[in-house]
N, C-alpha and C. Protein backbone atom coordinates (compact mmCIF):
# COMPACT_ATOMS: atom_id res chain seq x y z
N MET A 1 1.05 -1.21 0.07
CA MET A 1 0.11 0.15 -0.33
C MET A 1 0.35 1.16 -0.36
N THR A 2 0.55 1.99 -0.80
CA THR A 2 1.41 3.40 -0.86
C THR A 2 0.47 4.31 -1.11
N SER A 3 0.24 5.50 -0.56
CA SER A 3 -0.04 6.69 -0.56
C SER A 3 0.43 8.06 -0.57
N ALA A 4 0.01 8.99 -1.40
CA ALA A 4 0.55 10.10 -1.38
C ALA A 4 0.30 11.27 -0.61
N ASN A 5 -0.93 11.35 -0.35
CA ASN A 5 -1.63 12.50 0.51
C ASN A 5 -1.83 11.70 2.05
N SER A 6 -0.79 11.23 2.71
CA SER A 6 -0.92 10.65 4.24
C SER A 6 -0.09 9.72 4.43
N THR A 7 0.04 9.62 5.70
CA THR A 7 1.22 8.88 6.07
C THR A 7 0.74 7.59 6.53
N ILE A 8 1.66 6.84 6.05
CA ILE A 8 1.14 5.11 6.44
C ILE A 8 1.67 4.55 8.33
N THR A 9 0.75 4.93 9.24
CA THR A 9 1.80 4.37 10.25
C THR A 9 1.23 3.14 10.84
N LEU A 10 0.41 2.05 10.07
CA LEU A 10 0.71 1.05 10.40
C LEU A 10 0.42 -0.20 9.30
N THR A 11 1.52 -1.81 9.56
CA THR A 11 1.85 -2.23 8.63
C THR A 11 1.43 -3.48 8.79
N CYS A 12 0.68 -5.10 7.80
CA CYS A 12 0.78 -6.09 8.60
C CYS A 12 1.90 -6.72 7.83
N SER A 13 2.15 -8.29 8.07
CA SER A 13 3.08 -9.15 7.79
C SER A 13 1.97 -10.44 7.84
N PHE A 14 2.51 -10.89 6.82
CA PHE A 14 1.63 -12.84 6.56
C PHE A 14 2.40 -13.35 6.44
N LYS A 15 2.73 -14.37 7.44
CA LYS A 15 3.34 -15.81 7.36
C LYS A 15 2.99 -17.14 7.28
N TYR A 16 3.50 -17.98 6.86
CA TYR A 16 3.09 -19.18 5.80
C TYR A 16 3.54 -20.21 6.75
N ASP A 17 2.73 -21.62 6.96
CA ASP A 17 3.92 -22.34 7.83
C ASP A 17 4.25 -23.45 5.95
N SER A 18 5.38 -24.57 6.39
CA SER A 18 5.69 -25.77 5.17
C SER A 18 4.44 -25.95 4.41
N GLN A 19 2.99 -25.92 4.80
CA GLN A 19 1.54 -26.37 4.26
C GLN A 19 1.15 -25.74 3.61
N GLY A 20 1.54 -24.28 3.66
CA GLY A 20 0.85 -23.25 2.96
C GLY A 20 -0.08 -22.31 4.20
N GLN A 21 0.18 -22.95 5.00
CA GLN A 21 -1.11 -22.22 6.14
C GLN A 21 -0.24 -20.60 6.60
N LEU A 22 -2.06 -20.10 7.18
CA LEU A 22 -1.77 -18.61 7.82
C LEU A 22 -1.27 -19.19 9.48
N SER A 23 0.20 -18.87 9.90
CA SER A 23 0.73 -19.17 11.20
C SER A 23 0.90 -18.00 11.68
N LYS A 24 1.03 -16.64 11.31
CA LYS A 24 1.27 -16.03 11.95
C LYS A 24 1.10 -14.26 11.10
N ILE A 25 0.34 -13.21 11.72
CA ILE A 25 0.06 -12.14 11.85
C ILE A 25 1.06 -11.58 12.21
N GLU A 26 1.71 -10.60 11.61
CA GLU A 26 3.24 -9.50 12.52
C GLU A 26 2.19 -7.64 12.28
N ASN A 27 1.71 -7.38 13.50
CA ASN A 27 1.42 -5.94 12.94
C ASN A 27 2.41 -4.95 13.57
N TYR A 28 2.94 -4.13 13.00
CA TYR A 28 3.71 -2.86 12.93
C TYR A 28 2.90 -1.63 12.81
N THR A 29 4.04 -0.96 13.76
CA THR A 29 3.74 0.56 13.91
C THR A 29 4.72 1.30 13.69
N LYS A 30 4.70 2.86 13.62
CA LYS A 30 5.93 3.86 13.08
C LYS A 30 5.55 4.52 14.34
N LYS A 31 6.61 4.04 14.96
CA LYS A 31 6.93 4.60 16.70
C LYS A 31 7.50 5.93 16.73
N ASP A 32 9.20 6.23 16.13
CA ASP A 32 9.41 7.35 15.78
C ASP A 32 8.81 8.09 14.70
N GLY A 33 7.57 7.64 14.43
CA GLY A 33 8.07 9.07 12.84
C GLY A 33 8.49 8.14 11.17
N LYS A 34 9.15 7.16 11.76
CA LYS A 34 10.56 6.75 10.76
C LYS A 34 10.39 5.71 10.98
N ASN A 35 10.52 4.63 11.48
CA ASN A 35 10.41 3.05 11.74
C ASN A 35 9.29 2.44 12.52
N PHE A 36 9.23 1.60 11.80
CA PHE A 36 8.07 0.36 12.09
C PHE A 36 8.52 -0.55 13.04
N GLU A 37 8.01 -1.02 13.96
CA GLU A 37 8.38 -2.10 15.21
C GLU A 37 7.38 -3.01 15.63
N CYS A 38 7.71 -3.51 15.20
CA CYS A 38 6.77 -4.94 15.54
C CYS A 38 6.18 -4.12 17.08
N THR A 39 4.67 -4.28 17.37
CA THR A 39 3.57 -3.98 18.40
C THR A 39 2.73 -5.17 18.96
N SER A 40 2.15 -6.38 18.27
CA SER A 40 1.71 -6.91 18.32
C SER A 40 1.90 -8.03 17.56
N PHE A 41 0.94 -9.34 17.55
CA PHE A 41 1.30 -10.51 16.54
C PHE A 41 -0.21 -11.58 16.86
N ARG A 42 -0.50 -12.59 15.84
CA ARG A 42 -1.64 -13.48 16.02
C ARG A 42 -0.83 -14.86 15.56
N SER A 43 -0.83 -15.81 16.31
CA SER A 43 -0.42 -16.65 15.81
C SER A 43 -1.64 -17.92 15.62
N PHE A 44 -1.52 -18.65 14.73
CA PHE A 44 -2.60 -19.55 14.43
C PHE A 44 -1.78 -21.14 14.91
N GLU A 45 -2.87 -22.07 15.21
CA GLU A 45 -2.20 -23.32 15.88
C GLU A 45 -3.57 -23.85 15.28
N PHE A 46 -2.98 -25.40 14.39
CA PHE A 46 -4.39 -26.16 13.10
C PHE A 46 -4.61 -27.42 13.62
N GLU A 47 -5.20 -28.81 13.55
CA GLU A 47 -5.72 -29.50 13.95
C GLU A 47 -6.81 -29.85 12.65
N ASN A 48 -5.72 -30.62 11.62
CA ASN A 48 -6.11 -31.20 10.43
C ASN A 48 -5.46 -29.42 9.47
N ARG A 49 -6.74 -29.46 8.78
CA ARG A 49 -7.26 -28.01 8.17
C ARG A 49 -8.18 -27.14 8.91
N ASN A 50 -8.03 -27.43 9.85
CA ASN A 50 -8.80 -26.14 11.07
C ASN A 50 -8.02 -25.17 11.94
N ILE A 51 -8.23 -24.21 11.88
CA ILE A 51 -7.10 -23.67 13.38
C ILE A 51 -8.29 -24.09 14.35
N CYS A 52 -7.82 -24.89 15.06
CA CYS A 52 -8.11 -24.94 16.43
C CYS A 52 -7.91 -23.37 17.21
N ARG A 53 -6.71 -22.54 17.60
CA ARG A 53 -6.92 -21.47 18.22
C ARG A 53 -6.01 -20.97 17.85
N GLU A 54 -6.26 -19.26 18.19
CA GLU A 54 -5.86 -18.52 17.83
C GLU A 54 -5.27 -17.27 19.17
N ASN A 55 -4.17 -17.29 18.85
CA ASN A 55 -3.36 -16.40 20.00
C ASN A 55 -3.41 -15.64 19.43
N LEU A 56 -3.70 -14.44 20.51
CA LEU A 56 -2.98 -12.72 20.39
C LEU A 56 -2.24 -12.27 21.58
N CYS A 57 -0.75 -11.98 21.25
CA CYS A 57 0.36 -11.55 22.34
C CYS A 57 0.76 -10.85 21.34
N ASP A 58 1.32 -9.93 22.81
CA ASP A 58 2.11 -8.66 23.05
C ASP A 58 3.49 -8.36 21.80
N GLU A 59 4.19 -7.61 21.50
CA GLU A 59 5.15 -7.29 21.19
C GLU A 59 6.48 -8.77 21.77
N LYS A 60 6.59 -8.69 22.89
CA LYS A 60 7.15 -9.83 23.21
C LYS A 60 7.10 -10.84 23.28
N GLY A 61 5.81 -11.59 22.99
CA GLY A 61 5.71 -12.69 22.45
C GLY A 61 4.75 -13.56 23.53
N ASN A 62 4.07 -12.43 24.29
CA ASN A 62 3.46 -13.21 25.48
C ASN A 62 2.05 -13.39 24.83
N ILE A 63 1.06 -14.29 25.15
CA ILE A 63 -0.11 -14.16 24.69
C ILE A 63 -1.18 -13.42 25.67
N THR A 64 -1.69 -12.99 25.51
CA THR A 64 -2.97 -11.83 26.07
C THR A 64 -4.41 -11.87 26.09
N GLN A 65 -4.17 -12.55 25.14
CA GLN A 65 -5.70 -13.52 24.79
C GLN A 65 -6.23 -14.48 23.88
N PHE A 66 -6.83 -15.24 23.41
CA PHE A 66 -6.54 -16.49 22.58
C PHE A 66 -8.10 -16.55 22.32
N TYR A 67 -8.36 -17.15 21.48
CA TYR A 67 -9.99 -17.82 20.43
C TYR A 67 -9.13 -19.14 20.81
N GLU A 68 -10.08 -20.54 20.87
CA GLU A 68 -10.21 -21.78 21.06
C GLU A 68 -11.26 -22.45 20.17
N TYR A 69 -11.33 -22.58 18.75
CA TYR A 69 -11.92 -22.77 18.36
C TYR A 69 -12.40 -24.94 17.37
N THR A 70 -13.83 -25.39 17.65
CA THR A 70 -13.65 -27.19 17.53
C THR A 70 -14.80 -27.12 16.42
N TYR A 71 -14.52 -27.84 15.51
CA TYR A 71 -15.42 -28.17 14.88
C TYR A 71 -16.10 -29.56 14.42
N ASP A 72 -17.38 -29.90 13.70
CA ASP A 72 -17.34 -30.62 13.22
C ASP A 72 -17.14 -32.26 12.31
N GLN A 73 -17.95 -32.92 12.58
CA GLN A 73 -17.27 -33.96 11.74
C GLN A 73 -16.65 -33.18 9.71
N LYS A 74 -17.56 -31.82 9.46
CA LYS A 74 -17.90 -31.66 7.67
C LYS A 74 -17.09 -30.49 7.55
N GLY A 75 -16.36 -30.30 9.23
CA GLY A 75 -15.16 -28.37 9.07
C GLY A 75 -16.44 -27.62 9.26
N ASN A 76 -17.37 -27.74 9.81
CA ASN A 76 -17.86 -26.50 10.35
C ASN A 76 -17.63 -25.83 11.54
N ARG A 77 -17.49 -24.72 11.75
CA ARG A 77 -16.94 -24.08 13.64
C ARG A 77 -18.45 -24.28 14.23
N ILE A 78 -18.01 -25.56 15.33
CA ILE A 78 -19.49 -25.28 15.83
C ILE A 78 -19.08 -24.60 17.05
N LYS A 79 -18.16 -24.46 17.87
CA LYS A 79 -17.98 -23.44 18.84
C LYS A 79 -16.86 -22.79 19.10
N GLU A 80 -16.65 -21.39 19.19
CA GLU A 80 -15.87 -20.59 19.55
C GLU A 80 -15.82 -19.93 20.81
N ARG A 81 -14.58 -20.09 21.70
CA ARG A 81 -14.45 -19.40 23.31
C ARG A 81 -12.78 -18.79 23.23
N TYR A 82 -13.85 -17.66 23.47
CA TYR A 82 -12.71 -16.33 23.98
C TYR A 82 -11.97 -16.00 25.36
N LYS A 83 -10.65 -16.39 25.35
CA LYS A 83 -10.24 -16.21 26.82
C LYS A 83 -9.33 -15.46 26.65
N VAL A 84 -9.30 -14.57 28.29
CA VAL A 84 -7.91 -13.36 28.28
C VAL A 84 -7.46 -13.60 29.59
N CYS A 85 -6.07 -13.37 28.73
CA CYS A 85 -4.83 -13.50 30.17
C CYS A 85 -4.19 -12.59 30.47
N ILE A 86 -4.80 -11.00 30.59
CA ILE A 86 -4.68 -9.66 30.78
C ILE A 86 -5.70 -9.78 32.12
N ASN A 87 -5.75 -8.50 32.86
CA ASN A 87 -6.45 -7.85 33.34
C ASN A 87 -7.03 -8.35 34.89
N ASP A 88 -8.23 -9.62 34.40
CA ASP A 88 -8.62 -10.04 35.34
C ASP A 88 -8.31 -11.75 35.59
N GLY A 89 -7.60 -12.01 34.05
CA GLY A 89 -6.91 -13.53 33.75
C GLY A 89 -4.86 -13.92 33.81
N THR A 90 -5.07 -14.80 34.02
CA THR A 90 -3.21 -15.12 33.77
C THR A 90 -3.09 -16.11 32.92
N PRO A 91 -1.93 -15.97 32.39
CA PRO A 91 -1.35 -16.79 31.29
C PRO A 91 -1.94 -18.73 31.64
N SER A 92 -1.56 -19.10 32.95
CA SER A 92 -1.86 -20.35 33.86
C SER A 92 -3.49 -19.87 34.07
N ASN A 93 -4.13 -19.14 34.05
CA ASN A 93 -5.31 -19.04 34.51
C ASN A 93 -6.55 -18.06 34.03
N PRO A 94 -6.43 -18.56 32.36
CA PRO A 94 -7.28 -17.42 31.65
C PRO A 94 -8.45 -16.77 32.16
N VAL A 95 -9.19 -16.25 31.99
CA VAL A 95 -10.77 -16.17 32.41
C VAL A 95 -11.77 -16.53 31.20
N LEU A 96 -12.66 -17.08 30.31
CA LEU A 96 -13.56 -17.26 29.40
C LEU A 96 -14.23 -16.00 29.89
N TYR A 97 -14.47 -15.31 27.89
CA TYR A 97 -14.69 -13.93 28.35
C TYR A 97 -16.77 -14.35 27.87
N TYR A 98 -16.11 -14.93 26.70
CA TYR A 98 -17.82 -15.56 25.42
C TYR A 98 -17.58 -16.50 25.25
N GLU A 99 -18.79 -17.18 24.97
CA GLU A 99 -18.72 -18.72 24.40
C GLU A 99 -19.50 -18.53 22.88
N ASN A 100 -19.31 -18.64 21.82
CA ASN A 100 -20.30 -19.03 21.16
C ASN A 100 -20.39 -20.47 20.26
N THR A 101 -22.17 -20.40 19.92
CA THR A 101 -21.92 -21.98 19.56
C THR A 101 -22.29 -21.42 18.41
N TYR A 102 -22.62 -22.60 17.09
CA TYR A 102 -23.25 -22.62 16.14
C TYR A 102 -23.82 -24.39 15.59
N LYS A 103 -25.00 -23.41 14.46
CA LYS A 103 -25.62 -24.60 13.96
C LYS A 103 -25.91 -24.25 13.08
N TYR A 104 -26.05 -25.58 11.85
CA TYR A 104 -25.66 -25.61 10.20
C TYR A 104 -26.71 -26.24 9.70
N ASP A 105 -27.46 -26.16 8.61
CA ASP A 105 -28.35 -26.78 7.62
C ASP A 105 -27.52 -28.34 6.88
N ASP A 106 -28.32 -28.34 6.02
CA ASP A 106 -27.16 -29.68 5.33
C ASP A 106 -26.78 -29.23 3.86
N TYR A 107 -27.25 -27.79 3.47
CA TYR A 107 -26.87 -27.05 2.05
C TYR A 107 -25.49 -26.66 2.10
N LYS A 108 -25.00 -26.83 1.29
CA LYS A 108 -23.54 -26.43 0.72
C LYS A 108 -23.49 -24.78 0.91
N ASN A 109 -22.97 -24.71 1.56
CA ASN A 109 -22.09 -23.65 1.81
C ASN A 109 -21.88 -22.57 0.26
N PRO A 110 -22.36 -21.47 -0.48
CA PRO A 110 -22.25 -20.82 -0.90
C PRO A 110 -20.71 -20.08 -1.32
N TYR A 111 -20.25 -20.15 -0.03
CA TYR A 111 -19.65 -18.66 -0.02
C TYR A 111 -17.93 -19.39 0.09
N GLN A 112 -17.65 -20.93 0.83
CA GLN A 112 -17.18 -21.31 0.86
C GLN A 112 -15.90 -21.27 -0.45
N ILE A 113 -16.40 -21.30 -2.02
CA ILE A 113 -15.70 -21.01 -3.57
C ILE A 113 -14.57 -19.76 -2.71
N LEU A 114 -14.80 -19.02 -1.75
CA LEU A 114 -13.87 -17.19 -1.71
C LEU A 114 -13.12 -17.95 -0.87
N GLU A 115 -12.89 -19.30 -0.15
CA GLU A 115 -11.55 -19.66 0.67
C GLU A 115 -10.72 -18.69 1.26
N ILE A 116 -11.46 -18.38 1.71
CA ILE A 116 -11.49 -16.46 3.49
C ILE A 116 -10.54 -18.24 4.60
N THR A 117 -9.07 -16.98 4.63
CA THR A 117 -8.78 -17.80 5.28
C THR A 117 -8.95 -17.61 6.91
N GLY A 118 -9.21 -18.44 7.95
CA GLY A 118 -9.49 -18.66 9.03
C GLY A 118 -10.82 -19.13 9.61
N PRO A 119 -11.12 -19.31 11.22
CA PRO A 119 -12.29 -20.01 11.17
C PRO A 119 -13.26 -18.84 11.27
N ASN A 120 -14.26 -18.69 10.49
CA ASN A 120 -15.16 -18.20 10.69
C ASN A 120 -16.45 -18.60 9.35
N PHE A 121 -18.20 -18.10 9.30
CA PHE A 121 -18.80 -19.26 8.68
C PHE A 121 -18.90 -18.71 7.36
N TYR A 122 -17.98 -18.31 6.53
CA TYR A 122 -17.56 -18.16 5.03
C TYR A 122 -16.29 -19.18 4.80
N THR A 123 -16.39 -19.93 6.08
CA THR A 123 -15.28 -20.99 5.41
C THR A 123 -15.96 -22.41 5.74
N SER A 124 -17.05 -22.19 6.77
CA SER A 124 -17.78 -23.71 6.72
C SER A 124 -18.22 -24.84 5.04
N ALA A 125 -18.43 -25.85 6.08
CA ALA A 125 -19.05 -26.68 4.88
C ALA A 125 -20.92 -26.38 4.19
N ASN A 126 -20.95 -25.96 5.35
CA ASN A 126 -23.07 -26.43 4.87
C ASN A 126 -22.91 -24.31 5.93
N ASN A 127 -24.50 -23.97 5.59
CA ASN A 127 -24.81 -22.61 5.84
C ASN A 127 -25.21 -22.60 7.88
N MET A 128 -24.96 -21.40 8.08
CA MET A 128 -25.00 -21.23 9.70
C MET A 128 -26.54 -21.36 9.21
N ILE A 129 -27.10 -21.43 10.28
CA ILE A 129 -28.75 -21.23 10.47
C ILE A 129 -28.75 -20.69 12.29
N GLU A 130 -27.68 -20.67 12.98
CA GLU A 130 -27.91 -20.15 14.30
C GLU A 130 -26.30 -20.24 15.55
N MET A 131 -26.82 -18.78 15.48
CA MET A 131 -25.11 -17.91 16.85
C MET A 131 -25.84 -18.17 17.72
N LYS A 132 -25.49 -19.36 19.30
CA LYS A 132 -26.13 -18.61 19.93
C LYS A 132 -24.91 -17.93 21.23
N THR A 133 -24.44 -16.55 21.53
CA THR A 133 -23.33 -15.93 22.20
C THR A 133 -24.10 -16.00 23.64
N VAL A 134 -23.30 -17.07 24.48
CA VAL A 134 -22.69 -16.29 26.11
C VAL A 134 -21.70 -15.89 26.83
N TRP A 135 -22.78 -14.72 27.19
CA TRP A 135 -20.78 -13.83 27.88
C TRP A 135 -21.09 -14.77 29.43
N TYR A 136 -19.63 -14.15 29.88
CA TYR A 136 -19.98 -14.42 31.44
C TYR A 136 -18.79 -13.66 32.09
N THR A 137 -19.37 -12.69 31.98
CA THR A 137 -18.76 -11.08 32.58
C THR A 137 -19.44 -10.39 33.52
N ASN A 138 -19.52 -10.17 34.39
CA ASN A 138 -20.11 -9.48 35.58
C ASN A 138 -20.82 -8.43 35.11
N ASP A 139 -21.10 -8.04 33.53
CA ASP A 139 -21.27 -6.83 33.49
C ASP A 139 -22.88 -7.51 33.11
N PRO A 140 -23.69 -6.44 33.66
CA PRO A 140 -25.07 -6.20 34.28
C PRO A 140 -26.01 -6.36 32.42
N LYS A 141 -24.71 -5.84 31.45
CA LYS A 141 -25.46 -5.45 30.34
C LYS A 141 -25.27 -6.13 29.39
N THR A 142 -24.80 -7.21 29.43
CA THR A 142 -24.32 -8.16 28.65
C THR A 142 -25.22 -9.60 29.00
N GLU A 143 -25.46 -10.30 28.02
CA GLU A 143 -26.77 -11.12 28.04
C GLU A 143 -26.89 -12.43 27.13
N THR A 144 -26.98 -13.62 26.91
CA THR A 144 -27.15 -14.59 26.17
C THR A 144 -27.91 -13.79 24.91
N ALA A 145 -26.96 -13.67 23.11
CA ALA A 145 -28.03 -13.56 22.18
C ALA A 145 -27.66 -14.55 21.30
N LYS A 146 -28.86 -14.56 20.74
CA LYS A 146 -28.75 -15.85 19.75
C LYS A 146 -29.12 -15.01 18.19
N GLN A 147 -28.80 -15.40 17.52
CA GLN A 147 -29.09 -14.79 16.01
C GLN A 147 -29.83 -16.80 14.75
N SER A 148 -30.42 -15.89 13.97
CA SER A 148 -30.81 -16.99 13.21
C SER A 148 -30.71 -16.75 11.91
N PHE A 149 -30.23 -17.30 10.85
CA PHE A 149 -29.81 -17.04 9.58
C PHE A 149 -31.24 -18.06 8.37
N VAL A 150 -31.65 -17.44 7.27
CA VAL A 150 -32.73 -17.98 7.02
C VAL A 150 -31.95 -18.53 5.38
N TYR A 151 -32.64 -19.04 4.44
CA TYR A 151 -31.57 -19.62 3.04
C TYR A 151 -32.98 -20.02 2.84
N ASN A 152 -32.73 -19.97 0.96
CA ASN A 152 -33.56 -20.60 -0.05
C ASN A 152 -33.85 -21.91 0.06
N ASN A 153 -34.43 -22.37 -0.76
CA ASN A 153 -34.13 -23.70 -1.17
C ASN A 153 -32.93 -24.45 -2.00
N ASN A 154 -32.12 -22.91 -2.88
CA ASN A 154 -31.53 -23.56 -3.44
C ASN A 154 -29.65 -23.55 -2.43
N GLY A 155 -30.44 -22.94 -1.10
CA GLY A 155 -29.07 -22.57 0.26
C GLY A 155 -28.32 -21.97 0.23
N TYR A 156 -29.38 -20.42 -0.78
CA TYR A 156 -28.62 -19.65 -0.46
C TYR A 156 -29.19 -18.55 0.44
N PRO A 157 -28.23 -17.67 1.23
CA PRO A 157 -28.36 -16.51 1.90
C PRO A 157 -29.89 -15.91 1.83
N VAL A 158 -30.88 -15.12 2.37
CA VAL A 158 -32.04 -14.65 2.52
C VAL A 158 -32.70 -13.69 3.35
N LYS A 159 -32.01 -13.97 4.61
CA LYS A 159 -32.62 -13.05 5.92
C LYS A 159 -31.68 -13.44 6.63
């Protein structure tokens, strides 16, 4: 990315493993107005071809937060857990902030052709029909939320 009328202050570098899977995304910020320094990164752990854990790390490599993902036999992500190792938690005792569970139909997901890297409904084998989020924080404003998705007879999203 280049710019003629503005200053670039953030860049990202993508790293891949020997199988061509995304292994790390490094974030660089311009600290002194001239040089970019790594300020954080995400690393990915795989089980088969699915990301089973996404670690969010500080510039020193300390894991500050992470996501754990679980999949069904078809490759649909069925559970996502977000845990925090800073503030309330520690690396050896992270705090679970929320958990998403997903349900799917039996239609082929038409978005799968995009081959977007990472665990999301675009990469699932089937169409997501429900997502339920349970928050585990002490904030009275948080609660359990449920979203539903509707598809036509051809398996394409309509609502």
